Amino acid sequence: MNKKRSFFIIMLLILLLFVSVCSGILFGSVNLSFSDIWAVLTAKDTSSTACVLLKTVRIPRVFGGLFAGVGLACAGVILQGVMNNSLASPNTIGVNSGSGFAVMLAMIFFPANSAALPVFAFLGALLTTLAIFLLASLSDSSRTTIILAGITVSTFLNAAINTVKLLDTDITINLTSFLIGTLSGLTAQRILFPGICIIGAFFLSLMLAVPLNLLGLGDDIAHSLGLRVSLTRFLLLVLSSVLAGCVVSYAGLLSFIGLVVPHICRRLFGNDARFLLPCSALLGASFVILCDLFGRVLFAPFELPAGIIMAFIGGPFFLYLLLKKKGGRRVHA
């Protein structure tokens, strides 16, 4: 790919993220001016409504969206590479459902311990990913088998979630927005630990970008090139579980980011994970922030959860991929 074109697209993605962050802070049911924000940032304003709104609502919400976009988009890139399946993502293969079920258990057994949520979310995502990978490996490990295994596990977990909702009516109210996926009500304290984990896992995934490329060549070729295939695959699955699980722990079951964003970036940069991971992170962050912004302003003063906006976008996109694949044209993995 032309280096100048790559550099130009990367700069556009960085600019898009900057504009998205600024828009997420400025606009909402109550619009703020640049002078309001400047007064807060320079500590000239420490008590006004604008100051409280920025520090307790807008800024945590925007950064929560940024971390969510980075986590889910990069998890999608990793899962698609490891499973050699272009339709794999935390949502489509059931990883989000596993993480969500684990978070629900944490809400029941440790209602006052918010620090337990990211841990449970990670364990749920990891166990679900390993279960899907094991089910697929027991068969022919084809792309269709992996998707079907993910649907099977996801259906079982969703049934478990609904069962618990019926048995414990006290948790139903909290779970409604969680199951849809929303950034409403986020605080700096709530996103601090998951955000650190997401950024750490993102940089670790960049270090494993070349091994991820080698896995795409097939196990035999990767092994002949000196790659420890099983260990590398396991490490990448752990990273994808950290990325997806930490997002689920505070934002709920946001859907389709890990499917839509990697495909768009592949159109721009190809399959090289060294470019695909950082560019997916940039576009994913912008995508989540903008979806949340649209949900806030389209029906203001009422709010539409970001997960609904993403589902409206991701559903048709997923259908497009299925129809394209069925039509005989190759969808890159």
C-alpha atoms as a PDB file:
ATOM      1  CA  MET A   1       0.000   0.000   0.000  1.00  0.00           C
ATOM      2  CA  ASN A   2       1.207   3.487  -0.820  1.00  0.00           C
ATOM      3  CA  LYS A   3       2.921   4.996   2.231  1.00  0.00           C
ATOM      4  CA  LYS A   4       1.670   8.513   1.545  1.00  0.00           C
ATOM      5  CA  ARG A   5      -1.906   7.267   1.242  1.00  0.00           C
ATOM      6  CA  SER A   6      -1.552   5.261   4.471  1.00  0.00           C
ATOM      7  CA  PHE A   7      -0.154   8.274   6.317  1.00  0.00           C
ATOM      8  CA  PHE A   8      -2.941  10.487   4.974  1.00  0.00           C
ATOM      9  CA  ILE A   9      -5.666   8.035   6.093  1.00  0.00           C
ATOM     10  CA  ILE A  10      -4.108   7.661   9.543  1.00  0.00           C
ATOM     11  CA  MET A  11      -4.039  11.437   9.955  1.00  0.00           C
ATOM     12  CA  LEU A  12      -7.708  11.556   8.935  1.00  0.00           C
ATOM     13  CA  LEU A  13      -8.556   8.910  11.534  1.00  0.00           C
ATOM     14  CA  ILE A  14      -6.701  10.877  14.223  1.00  0.00           C
ATOM     15  CA  LEU A  15      -8.541  14.039  13.167  1.00  0.00           C
ATOM     16  CA  LEU A  16     -11.870  12.170  13.228  1.00  0.00           C
ATOM     17  CA  LEU A  17     -11.168  10.999  16.776  1.00  0.00           C
ATOM     18  CA  PHE A  18     -10.259  14.527  17.876  1.00  0.00           C
ATOM     19  CA  VAL A  19     -13.467  15.921  16.348  1.00  0.00           C
ATOM     20  CA  SER A  20     -15.493  13.111  17.922  1.00  0.00           C
ATOM     21  CA  VAL A  21     -14.060  13.765  21.388  1.00  0.00           C
ATOM     22  CA  CYS A  22     -14.663  17.513  21.108  1.00  0.00           C
ATOM     23  CA  SER A  23     -18.216  16.961  19.825  1.00  0.00           C
ATOM     24  CA  GLY A  24     -18.953  14.492  22.603  1.00  0.00           C
ATOM     25  CA  ILE A  25     -17.882  17.058  25.183  1.00  0.00           C
ATOM     26  CA  LEU A  26     -19.586  20.067  23.566  1.00  0.00           C
ATOM     27  CA  PHE A  27     -22.955  18.681  22.504  1.00  0.00           C
ATOM     28  CA  GLY A  28     -25.802  16.906  24.227  1.00  0.00           C
ATOM     29  CA  SER A  29     -29.175  17.722  25.710  1.00  0.00           C
ATOM     30  CA  VAL A  30     -27.373  20.817  27.043  1.00  0.00           C
ATOM     31  CA  ASN A  31     -24.851  22.357  24.642  1.00  0.00           C
ATOM     32  CA  LEU A  32     -21.684  23.930  26.002  1.00  0.00           C
ATOM     33  CA  SER A  33     -19.482  26.599  24.462  1.00  0.00           C
ATOM     34  CA  PHE A  34     -15.712  26.594  24.044  1.00  0.00           C
ATOM     35  CA  SER A  35     -15.500  29.399  26.607  1.00  0.00           C
ATOM     36  CA  ASP A  36     -17.287  27.201  29.169  1.00  0.00           C
ATOM     37  CA  ILE A  37     -14.854  24.354  28.581  1.00  0.00           C
ATOM     38  CA  TRP A  38     -11.828  26.643  28.645  1.00  0.00           C
ATOM     39  CA  ALA A  39     -12.936  28.139  31.959  1.00  0.00           C
ATOM     40  CA  VAL A  40     -13.212  24.661  33.472  1.00  0.00           C
ATOM     41  CA  LEU A  41      -9.876  23.454  32.073  1.00  0.00           C
ATOM     42  CA  THR A  42      -8.033  26.539  33.349  1.00  0.00           C
ATOM     43  CA  ALA A  43      -9.682  26.200  36.790  1.00  0.00           C
ATOM     44  CA  LYS A  44     -11.378  29.585  36.448  1.00  0.00           C
ATOM     45  CA  ASP A  45     -14.701  27.817  36.831  1.00  0.00           C
ATOM     46  CA  THR A  46     -14.962  25.247  39.619  1.00  0.00           C
ATOM     47  CA  SER A  47     -18.589  25.304  40.675  1.00  0.00           C
ATOM     48  CA  SER A  48     -20.923  26.195  37.801  1.00  0.00           C
ATOM     49  CA  THR A  49     -23.374  23.817  36.133  1.00  0.00           C
ATOM     50  CA  ALA A  50     -21.056  23.573  33.136  1.00  0.00           C
ATOM     51  CA  CYS A  51     -18.177  22.512  35.384  1.00  0.00           C
ATOM     52  CA  VAL A  52     -20.213  19.817  37.110  1.00  0.00           C
ATOM     53  CA  LEU A  53     -21.592  18.599  33.787  1.00  0.00           C
ATOM     54  CA  LEU A  54     -18.144  18.355  32.236  1.00  0.00           C
ATOM     55  CA  LYS A  55     -16.346  16.676  35.118  1.00  0.00           C
ATOM     56  CA  THR A  56     -19.028  14.249  36.233  1.00  0.00           C
ATOM     57  CA  VAL A  57     -20.880  13.455  32.997  1.00  0.00           C
ATOM     58  CA  ARG A  58     -19.356  14.467  29.658  1.00  0.00           C
ATOM     59  CA  ILE A  59     -15.645  13.744  30.110  1.00  0.00           C
ATOM     60  CA  PRO A  60     -16.071  10.314  31.796  1.00  0.00           C
ATOM     61  CA  ARG A  61     -18.645   9.404  29.168  1.00  0.00           C
ATOM     62  CA  VAL A  62     -16.446  10.378  26.241  1.00  0.00           C
ATOM     63  CA  PHE A  63     -13.419   8.542  27.622  1.00  0.00           C
ATOM     64  CA  GLY A  64     -15.612   5.546  28.401  1.00  0.00           C
ATOM     65  CA  GLY A  65     -16.655   5.511  24.748  1.00  0.00           C
ATOM     66  CA  LEU A  66     -13.050   5.901  23.628  1.00  0.00           C
ATOM     67  CA  PHE A  67     -11.898   2.919  25.708  1.00  0.00           C
ATOM     68  CA  ALA A  68     -14.903   0.863  24.568  1.00  0.00           C
ATOM     69  CA  GLY A  69     -14.150   1.511  20.908  1.00  0.00           C
ATOM     70  CA  VAL A  70     -10.492   0.623  21.295  1.00  0.00           C
ATOM     71  CA  GLY A  71     -11.254  -2.535  23.264  1.00  0.00           C
ATOM     72  CA  LEU A  72     -14.011  -4.001  21.106  1.00  0.00           C
ATOM     73  CA  ALA A  73     -12.476  -3.079  17.742  1.00  0.00           C
ATOM     74  CA  CYS A  74      -9.096  -4.592  18.631  1.00  0.00           C
ATOM     75  CA  ALA A  75     -10.766  -7.659  20.156  1.00  0.00           C
ATOM     76  CA  GLY A  76     -12.549  -8.121  16.823  1.00  0.00           C
ATOM     77  CA  VAL A  77      -9.290  -7.896  14.874  1.00  0.00           C
ATOM     78  CA  ILE A  78      -7.654 -10.470  17.147  1.00  0.00           C
ATOM     79  CA  LEU A  79     -10.577 -12.923  17.111  1.00  0.00           C
ATOM     80  CA  GLN A  80     -10.882 -12.743  13.328  1.00  0.00           C
ATOM     81  CA  GLY A  81      -7.161 -13.381  12.964  1.00  0.00           C
ATOM     82  CA  VAL A  82      -6.907 -16.174  15.537  1.00  0.00           C
ATOM     83  CA  MET A  83     -10.035 -17.986  14.349  1.00  0.00           C
ATOM     84  CA  ASN A  84      -9.354 -17.244  10.664  1.00  0.00           C
ATOM     85  CA  ASN A  85     -12.958 -16.123  10.347  1.00  0.00           C
ATOM     86  CA  SER A  86     -14.002 -12.755   8.983  1.00  0.00           C
ATOM     87  CA  LEU A  87     -17.372 -12.934  10.754  1.00  0.00           C
ATOM     88  CA  ALA A  88     -15.898 -13.466  14.222  1.00  0.00           C
ATOM     89  CA  SER A  89     -16.312 -10.684  16.770  1.00  0.00           C
ATOM     90  CA  PRO A  90     -17.034 -10.434  20.507  1.00  0.00           C
ATOM     91  CA  ASN A  91     -20.712 -10.087  19.663  1.00  0.00           C
ATOM     92  CA  THR A  92     -21.237 -12.646  16.893  1.00  0.00           C
ATOM     93  CA  ILE A  93     -19.427 -15.569  18.556  1.00  0.00           C
ATOM     94  CA  GLY A  94     -20.896 -14.993  22.010  1.00  0.00           C
ATOM     95  CA  VAL A  95     -17.931 -13.566  23.901  1.00  0.00           C
ATOM     96  CA  ASN A  96     -19.977 -10.567  25.008  1.00  0.00           C
ATOM     97  CA  SER A  97     -22.723 -12.871  26.270  1.00  0.00           C
ATOM     98  CA  GLY A  98     -20.243 -14.839  28.359  1.00  0.00           C
ATOM     99  CA  SER A  99     -18.775 -11.687  29.791  1.00  0.00           C
ATOM    100  CA  GLY A 100     -22.255 -10.286  30.427  1.00  0.00           C
ATOM    101  CA  PHE A 101     -23.370 -13.416  32.264  1.00  0.00           C
ATOM    102  CA  ALA A 102     -20.290 -13.276  34.482  1.00  0.00           C
ATOM    103  CA  VAL A 103     -20.893  -9.587  35.230  1.00  0.00           C
ATOM    104  CA  MET A 104     -24.481 -10.396  36.146  1.00  0.00           C
ATOM    105  CA  LEU A 105     -23.252 -13.014  38.619  1.00  0.00           C
ATOM    106  CA  ALA A 106     -20.894 -10.422  40.098  1.00  0.00           C
ATOM    107  CA  MET A 107     -23.835  -8.020  40.504  1.00  0.00           C
ATOM    108  CA  ILE A 108     -25.728 -10.694  42.430  1.00  0.00           C
ATOM    109  CA  PHE A 109     -22.979 -12.035  44.676  1.00  0.00           C
ATOM    110  CA  PHE A 110     -20.890  -8.862  45.100  1.00  0.00           C
ATOM    111  CA  PRO A 111     -23.386  -5.988  44.719  1.00  0.00           C
ATOM    112  CA  ALA A 112     -21.261  -3.493  46.631  1.00  0.00           C
ATOM    113  CA  ASN A 113     -17.915  -4.371  45.024  1.00  0.00           C
ATOM    114  CA  SER A 114     -17.590  -2.633  41.653  1.00  0.00           C
ATOM    115  CA  ALA A 115     -13.944  -3.715  41.413  1.00  0.00           C
ATOM    116  CA  ALA A 116     -15.111  -7.305  40.949  1.00  0.00           C
ATOM    117  CA  LEU A 117     -16.918  -6.501  37.683  1.00  0.00           C
ATOM    118  CA  PRO A 118     -13.845  -6.248  35.392  1.00  0.00           C
ATOM    119  CA  VAL A 119     -12.415  -9.468  36.869  1.00  0.00           C
ATOM    120  CA  PHE A 120     -15.636 -11.399  36.354  1.00  0.00           C
ATOM    121  CA  ALA A 121     -16.066  -9.883  32.881  1.00  0.00           C
ATOM    122  CA  PHE A 122     -12.576 -11.003  31.844  1.00  0.00           C
ATOM    123  CA  LEU A 123     -13.066 -14.528  33.182  1.00  0.00           C
ATOM    124  CA  GLY A 124     -16.442 -14.823  31.483  1.00  0.00           C
ATOM    125  CA  ALA A 125     -15.043 -13.630  28.157  1.00  0.00           C
ATOM    126  CA  LEU A 126     -12.001 -15.908  28.361  1.00  0.00           C
ATOM    127  CA  LEU A 127     -13.943 -19.047  29.316  1.00  0.00           C
ATOM    128  CA  THR A 128     -16.488 -18.407  26.569  1.00  0.00           C
ATOM    129  CA  THR A 129     -13.782 -17.866  23.947  1.00  0.00           C
ATOM    130  CA  LEU A 130     -11.975 -21.054  24.963  1.00  0.00           C
ATOM    131  CA  ALA A 131     -15.249 -23.019  24.967  1.00  0.00           C
ATOM    132  CA  ILE A 132     -16.098 -21.843  21.448  1.00  0.00           C
ATOM    133  CA  PHE A 133     -12.599 -22.594  20.213  1.00  0.00           C
ATOM    134  CA  LEU A 134     -12.755 -26.078  21.800  1.00  0.00           C
ATOM    135  CA  LEU A 135     -16.155 -26.843  20.283  1.00  0.00           C
ATOM    136  CA  ALA A 136     -14.940 -25.786  16.856  1.00  0.00           C
ATOM    137  CA  SER A 137     -11.717 -27.795  17.166  1.00  0.00           C
ATOM    138  CA  LEU A 138     -13.692 -30.958  17.952  1.00  0.00           C
ATOM    139  CA  SER A 139     -15.300 -30.621  14.527  1.00  0.00           C
ATOM    140  CA  ASP A 140     -13.760 -29.356  11.283  1.00  0.00           C
ATOM    141  CA  SER A 141     -12.750 -25.893  12.634  1.00  0.00           C
ATOM    142  CA  SER A 142     -14.269 -24.260   9.560  1.00  0.00           C
ATOM    143  CA  ARG A 143     -15.510 -20.687   9.586  1.00  0.00           C
ATOM    144  CA  THR A 144     -19.122 -21.836   9.648  1.00  0.00           C
ATOM    145  CA  THR A 145     -18.458 -24.206  12.549  1.00  0.00           C
ATOM    146  CA  ILE A 146     -16.927 -21.442  14.653  1.00  0.00           C
ATOM    147  CA  ILE A 147     -19.889 -19.145  14.059  1.00  0.00           C
ATOM    148  CA  LEU A 148     -22.370 -21.939  14.828  1.00  0.00           C
ATOM    149  CA  ALA A 149     -20.468 -22.837  18.003  1.00  0.00           C
ATOM    150  CA  GLY A 150     -20.578 -19.188  19.027  1.00  0.00           C
ATOM    151  CA  ILE A 151     -24.323 -18.982  18.365  1.00  0.00           C
ATOM    152  CA  THR A 152     -24.876 -22.153  20.403  1.00  0.00           C
ATOM    153  CA  VAL A 153     -22.895 -20.905  23.399  1.00  0.00           C
ATOM    154  CA  SER A 154     -24.426 -17.434  23.131  1.00  0.00           C
ATOM    155  CA  THR A 155     -27.963 -18.858  23.059  1.00  0.00           C
ATOM    156  CA  PHE A 156     -27.275 -20.929  26.158  1.00  0.00           C
ATOM    157  CA  LEU A 157     -25.801 -17.951  28.025  1.00  0.00           C
ATOM    158  CA  ASN A 158     -28.658 -15.647  27.033  1.00  0.00           C
ATOM    159  CA  ALA A 159     -31.090 -18.261  28.340  1.00  0.00           C
ATOM    160  CA  ALA A 160     -29.142 -18.314  31.606  1.00  0.00           C
ATOM    161  CA  ILE A 161     -29.272 -14.516  31.826  1.00  0.00           C
ATOM    162  CA  ASN A 162     -33.035 -14.478  31.254  1.00  0.00           C
ATOM    163  CA  THR A 163     -33.517 -17.218  33.837  1.00  0.00           C
ATOM    164  CA  VAL A 164     -31.667 -15.247  36.482  1.00  0.00           C
ATOM    165  CA  LYS A 165     -33.672 -12.129  35.553  1.00  0.00           C
ATOM    166  CA  LEU A 166     -36.878 -14.019  36.248  1.00  0.00           C
ATOM    167  CA  LEU A 167     -35.616 -15.461  39.526  1.00  0.00           C
ATOM    168  CA  ASP A 168     -34.102 -12.214  40.818  1.00  0.00           C
ATOM    169  CA  THR A 169     -36.439  -9.345  39.977  1.00  0.00           C
ATOM    170  CA  ASP A 170     -34.320  -6.854  41.938  1.00  0.00           C
ATOM    171  CA  ILE A 171     -31.551  -7.036  39.348  1.00  0.00           C
ATOM    172  CA  THR A 172     -33.817  -6.673  36.307  1.00  0.00           C
ATOM    173  CA  ILE A 173     -33.828  -2.862  36.351  1.00  0.00           C
ATOM    174  CA  ASN A 174     -30.032  -2.674  36.413  1.00  0.00           C
ATOM    175  CA  LEU A 175     -29.717  -5.313  33.702  1.00  0.00           C
ATOM    176  CA  THR A 176     -32.009  -3.685  31.144  1.00  0.00           C
ATOM    177  CA  SER A 177     -29.583  -0.934  30.130  1.00  0.00           C
ATOM    178  CA  PHE A 178     -26.639  -3.286  30.642  1.00  0.00           C
ATOM    179  CA  LEU A 179     -27.964  -5.809  28.118  1.00  0.00           C
ATOM    180  CA  ILE A 180     -28.593  -3.057  25.556  1.00  0.00           C
ATOM    181  CA  GLY A 181     -25.221  -1.357  26.083  1.00  0.00           C
ATOM    182  CA  THR A 182     -24.955   2.230  27.232  1.00  0.00           C
ATOM    183  CA  LEU A 183     -22.425   4.814  28.400  1.00  0.00           C
ATOM    184  CA  SER A 184     -24.947   6.611  30.586  1.00  0.00           C
ATOM    185  CA  GLY A 185     -24.020   7.171  34.214  1.00  0.00           C
ATOM    186  CA  LEU A 186     -20.297   6.512  33.859  1.00  0.00           C
ATOM    187  CA  THR A 187     -17.909   8.040  36.383  1.00  0.00           C
ATOM    188  CA  ALA A 188     -14.143   8.491  36.282  1.00  0.00           C
ATOM    189  CA  GLN A 189     -13.725   5.970  39.093  1.00  0.00           C
ATOM    190  CA  ARG A 190     -15.779   3.358  37.283  1.00  0.00           C
ATOM    191  CA  ILE A 191     -13.784   3.479  34.040  1.00  0.00           C
ATOM    192  CA  LEU A 192     -10.298   3.997  35.517  1.00  0.00           C
ATOM    193  CA  PHE A 193      -9.292   0.361  36.105  1.00  0.00           C
ATOM    194  CA  PRO A 194     -10.967  -1.065  32.952  1.00  0.00           C
ATOM    195  CA  GLY A 195      -9.461   1.780  30.902  1.00  0.00           C
ATOM    196  CA  ILE A 196      -5.945   1.019  32.152  1.00  0.00           C
ATOM    197  CA  CYS A 197      -6.419  -2.682  31.361  1.00  0.00           C
ATOM    198  CA  ILE A 198      -7.733  -1.917  27.865  1.00  0.00           C
ATOM    199  CA  ILE A 199      -4.829   0.380  27.002  1.00  0.00           C
ATOM    200  CA  GLY A 200      -2.329  -2.121  28.411  1.00  0.00           C
ATOM    201  CA  ALA A 201      -3.863  -4.997  26.432  1.00  0.00           C
ATOM    202  CA  PHE A 202      -3.905  -2.839  23.307  1.00  0.00           C
ATOM    203  CA  PHE A 203      -0.156  -2.188  23.474  1.00  0.00           C
ATOM    204  CA  LEU A 204       0.521  -5.860  24.193  1.00  0.00           C
ATOM    205  CA  SER A 205      -1.541  -6.787  21.134  1.00  0.00           C
ATOM    206  CA  LEU A 206       0.599  -4.440  19.037  1.00  0.00           C
ATOM    207  CA  MET A 207       3.645  -6.396  20.202  1.00  0.00           C
ATOM    208  CA  LEU A 208       1.963  -9.584  18.943  1.00  0.00           C
ATOM    209  CA  ALA A 209       0.889  -8.098  15.602  1.00  0.00           C
ATOM    210  CA  VAL A 210       3.516 -10.008  13.599  1.00  0.00           C
ATOM    211  CA  PRO A 211       2.644 -13.384  15.208  1.00  0.00           C
ATOM    212  CA  LEU A 212      -1.020 -12.587  14.495  1.00  0.00           C
ATOM    213  CA  ASN A 213      -0.105 -12.091  10.827  1.00  0.00           C
ATOM    214  CA  LEU A 214       1.695 -15.432  10.827  1.00  0.00           C
ATOM    215  CA  LEU A 215      -1.360 -17.219  12.228  1.00  0.00           C
ATOM    216  CA  GLY A 216      -3.283 -15.976   9.217  1.00  0.00           C
ATOM    217  CA  LEU A 217      -0.958 -18.029   6.983  1.00  0.00           C
ATOM    218  CA  GLY A 218      -2.129 -21.267   8.589  1.00  0.00           C
ATOM    219  CA  ASP A 219      -0.803 -23.324  11.483  1.00  0.00           C
ATOM    220  CA  ASP A 220       1.627 -25.412   9.415  1.00  0.00           C
ATOM    221  CA  ILE A 221       3.297 -22.422   7.768  1.00  0.00           C
ATOM    222  CA  ALA A 222       3.383 -20.456  11.025  1.00  0.00           C
ATOM    223  CA  HIS A 223       4.982 -23.417  12.812  1.00  0.00           C
ATOM    224  CA  SER A 224       7.562 -23.842  10.047  1.00  0.00           C
ATOM    225  CA  LEU A 225       8.500 -20.167  10.510  1.00  0.00           C
ATOM    226  CA  GLY A 226       9.290 -20.804  14.169  1.00  0.00           C
ATOM    227  CA  LEU A 227       6.068 -19.575  15.737  1.00  0.00           C
ATOM    228  CA  ARG A 228       4.809 -21.362  18.842  1.00  0.00           C
ATOM    229  CA  VAL A 229       1.286 -21.584  17.503  1.00  0.00           C
ATOM    230  CA  SER A 230      -0.624 -22.871  20.531  1.00  0.00           C
ATOM    231  CA  LEU A 231       1.001 -20.466  22.978  1.00  0.00           C
ATOM    232  CA  THR A 232       0.577 -17.491  20.638  1.00  0.00           C
ATOM    233  CA  ARG A 233      -3.070 -18.318  19.987  1.00  0.00           C
ATOM    234  CA  PHE A 234      -3.751 -18.644  23.719  1.00  0.00           C
ATOM    235  CA  LEU A 235      -2.042 -15.322  24.528  1.00  0.00           C
ATOM    236  CA  LEU A 236      -4.020 -13.554  21.824  1.00  0.00           C
ATOM    237  CA  LEU A 237      -7.269 -15.075  23.097  1.00  0.00           C
ATOM    238  CA  VAL A 238      -6.436 -13.840  26.600  1.00  0.00           C
ATOM    239  CA  LEU A 239      -5.799 -10.332  25.242  1.00  0.00           C
ATOM    240  CA  SER A 240      -9.071 -10.334  23.307  1.00  0.00           C
ATOM    241  CA  SER A 241     -10.861 -11.425  26.468  1.00  0.00           C
ATOM    242  CA  VAL A 242      -9.298  -8.598  28.474  1.00  0.00           C
ATOM    243  CA  LEU A 243     -10.226  -6.070  25.790  1.00  0.00           C
ATOM    244  CA  ALA A 244     -13.834  -7.224  25.407  1.00  0.00           C
ATOM    245  CA  GLY A 245     -14.435  -8.115  29.052  1.00  0.00           C
ATOM    246  CA  CYS A 246     -13.283  -4.796  30.450  1.00  0.00           C
ATOM    247  CA  VAL A 247     -15.607  -2.938  28.084  1.00  0.00           C
ATOM    248  CA  VAL A 248     -18.569  -5.118  29.068  1.00  0.00           C
ATOM    249  CA  SER A 249     -17.839  -4.514  32.760  1.00  0.00           C
ATOM    250  CA  TYR A 250     -18.844  -0.844  32.531  1.00  0.00           C
ATOM    251  CA  ALA A 251     -20.606  -0.334  29.159  1.00  0.00           C
ATOM    252  CA  GLY A 252     -22.689  -3.484  28.867  1.00  0.00           C
ATOM    253  CA  LEU A 253     -23.225  -5.523  25.722  1.00  0.00           C
ATOM    254  CA  LEU A 254     -22.329  -3.035  23.004  1.00  0.00           C
ATOM    255  CA  SER A 255     -22.677  -4.834  19.696  1.00  0.00           C
ATOM    256  CA  PHE A 256     -21.080  -5.067  16.257  1.00  0.00           C
ATOM    257  CA  ILE A 257     -18.096  -2.737  16.843  1.00  0.00           C
ATOM    258  CA  GLY A 258     -15.709  -5.674  16.634  1.00  0.00           C
ATOM    259  CA  LEU A 259     -17.290  -6.708  13.339  1.00  0.00           C
ATOM    260  CA  VAL A 260     -17.903  -3.436  11.490  1.00  0.00           C
ATOM    261  CA  VAL A 261     -14.730  -1.516  12.337  1.00  0.00           C
ATOM    262  CA  PRO A 262     -12.108  -4.181  11.398  1.00  0.00           C
ATOM    263  CA  HIS A 263     -13.801  -4.724   8.027  1.00  0.00           C
ATOM    264  CA  ILE A 264     -13.750  -1.020   7.230  1.00  0.00           C
ATOM    265  CA  CYS A 265     -10.082  -0.789   8.194  1.00  0.00           C
ATOM    266  CA  ARG A 266      -9.217  -3.833   6.079  1.00  0.00           C
ATOM    267  CA  ARG A 267     -10.634  -2.002   3.093  1.00  0.00           C
ATOM    268  CA  LEU A 268      -8.259   0.851   3.871  1.00  0.00           C
ATOM    269  CA  PHE A 269      -5.088  -0.938   4.983  1.00  0.00           C
ATOM    270  CA  GLY A 270      -5.329  -4.619   4.076  1.00  0.00           C
ATOM    271  CA  ASN A 271      -4.753  -7.500   6.476  1.00  0.00           C
ATOM    272  CA  ASP A 272      -1.485  -6.425   8.113  1.00  0.00           C
ATOM    273  CA  ALA A 273      -2.218  -6.387  11.858  1.00  0.00           C
ATOM    274  CA  ARG A 274       0.564  -3.852  12.429  1.00  0.00           C
ATOM    275  CA  PHE A 275      -1.655  -1.268  10.738  1.00  0.00           C
ATOM    276  CA  LEU A 276      -5.018  -2.914  11.309  1.00  0.00           C
ATOM    277  CA  LEU A 277      -4.864  -2.859  15.122  1.00  0.00           C
ATOM    278  CA  PRO A 278      -4.024   0.844  15.676  1.00  0.00           C
ATOM    279  CA  CYS A 279      -6.318   2.030  12.882  1.00  0.00           C
ATOM    280  CA  SER A 280      -9.192  -0.093  14.169  1.00  0.00           C
ATOM    281  CA  ALA A 281      -8.581   1.386  17.607  1.00  0.00           C
ATOM    282  CA  LEU A 282      -8.814   4.938  16.241  1.00  0.00           C
ATOM    283  CA  LEU A 283     -11.920   4.286  14.148  1.00  0.00           C
ATOM    284  CA  GLY A 284     -13.576   2.189  16.865  1.00  0.00           C
ATOM    285  CA  ALA A 285     -13.132   4.936  19.440  1.00  0.00           C
ATOM    286  CA  SER A 286     -14.650   7.518  17.092  1.00  0.00           C
ATOM    287  CA  PHE A 287     -17.495   5.174  16.174  1.00  0.00           C
ATOM    288  CA  VAL A 288     -18.587   4.570  19.771  1.00  0.00           C
ATOM    289  CA  ILE A 289     -18.310   8.229  20.780  1.00  0.00           C
ATOM    290  CA  LEU A 290     -20.366   9.338  17.770  1.00  0.00           C
ATOM    291  CA  CYS A 291     -23.027   6.648  18.291  1.00  0.00           C
ATOM    292  CA  ASP A 292     -23.383   7.751  21.905  1.00  0.00           C
ATOM    293  CA  LEU A 293     -23.558  11.400  20.803  1.00  0.00           C
ATOM    294  CA  PHE A 294     -26.301  10.653  18.270  1.00  0.00           C
ATOM    295  CA  GLY A 295     -28.246   8.814  20.946  1.00  0.00           C
ATOM    296  CA  ARG A 296     -28.052  11.877  23.178  1.00  0.00           C
ATOM    297  CA  VAL A 297     -28.995  14.558  20.650  1.00  0.00           C
ATOM    298  CA  LEU A 298     -31.462  12.890  18.255  1.00  0.00           C
ATOM    299  CA  PHE A 299     -34.270  12.633  20.798  1.00  0.00           C
ATOM    300  CA  ALA A 300     -33.127  15.168  23.403  1.00  0.00           C
ATOM    301  CA  PRO A 301     -33.991  15.558  26.224  1.00  0.00           C
ATOM    302  CA  PHE A 302     -34.634  11.805  26.000  1.00  0.00           C
ATOM    303  CA  GLU A 303     -31.718   9.480  25.401  1.00  0.00           C
ATOM    304  CA  LEU A 304     -31.327   6.483  23.119  1.00  0.00           C
ATOM    305  CA  PRO A 305     -28.658   4.024  24.405  1.00  0.00           C
ATOM    306  CA  ALA A 306     -25.564   3.752  22.240  1.00  0.00           C
ATOM    307  CA  GLY A 307     -26.098   0.010  21.889  1.00  0.00           C
ATOM    308  CA  ILE A 308     -29.332   0.586  19.960  1.00  0.00           C
ATOM    309  CA  ILE A 309     -27.639   2.956  17.502  1.00  0.00           C
ATOM    310  CA  MET A 310     -24.855   0.402  16.960  1.00  0.00           C
ATOM    311  CA  ALA A 311     -27.358  -2.405  16.388  1.00  0.00           C
ATOM    312  CA  PHE A 312     -29.146  -0.354  13.718  1.00  0.00           C
ATOM    313  CA  ILE A 313     -25.799   0.108  11.948  1.00  0.00           C
ATOM    314  CA  GLY A 314     -24.236  -3.282  12.626  1.00  0.00           C
ATOM    315  CA  GLY A 315     -27.244  -5.468  11.798  1.00  0.00           C
ATOM    316  CA  PRO A 316     -27.488  -4.466   8.112  1.00  0.00           C
ATOM    317  CA  PHE A 317     -23.684  -4.577   7.829  1.00  0.00           C
ATOM    318  CA  PHE A 318     -23.597  -8.155   9.147  1.00  0.00           C
ATOM    319  CA  LEU A 319     -26.346  -9.107   6.670  1.00  0.00           C
ATOM    320  CA  TYR A 320     -24.312  -7.515   3.873  1.00  0.00           C
ATOM    321  CA  LEU A 321     -21.290  -9.654   4.785  1.00  0.00           C
ATOM    322  CA  LEU A 322     -23.382 -12.826   4.839  1.00  0.00           C
ATOM    323  CA  LEU A 323     -24.960 -12.075   1.464  1.00  0.00           C
ATOM    324  CA  LYS A 324     -21.604 -11.147  -0.033  1.00  0.00           C
ATOM    325  CA  LYS A 325     -20.069 -14.383   1.167  1.00  0.00           C
ATOM    326  CA  LYS A 326     -23.000 -16.430  -0.102  1.00  0.00           C
ATOM    327  CA  GLY A 327     -22.714 -14.759  -3.478  1.00  0.00           C
ATOM    328  CA  GLY A 328     -19.348 -16.410  -3.943  1.00  0.00           C
ATOM    329  CA  ARG A 329     -17.139 -13.396  -3.462  1.00  0.00           C
ATOM    330  CA  ARG A 330     -14.415 -13.790  -0.907  1.00  0.00           C
ATOM    331  CA  VAL A 331     -14.630 -11.935   2.388  1.00  0.00           C
ATOM    332  CA  HIS A 332     -11.114 -11.423   3.709  1.00  0.00           C
ATOM    333  CA  ALA A 333     -10.353 -12.985   7.069  1.00  0.00           C
END
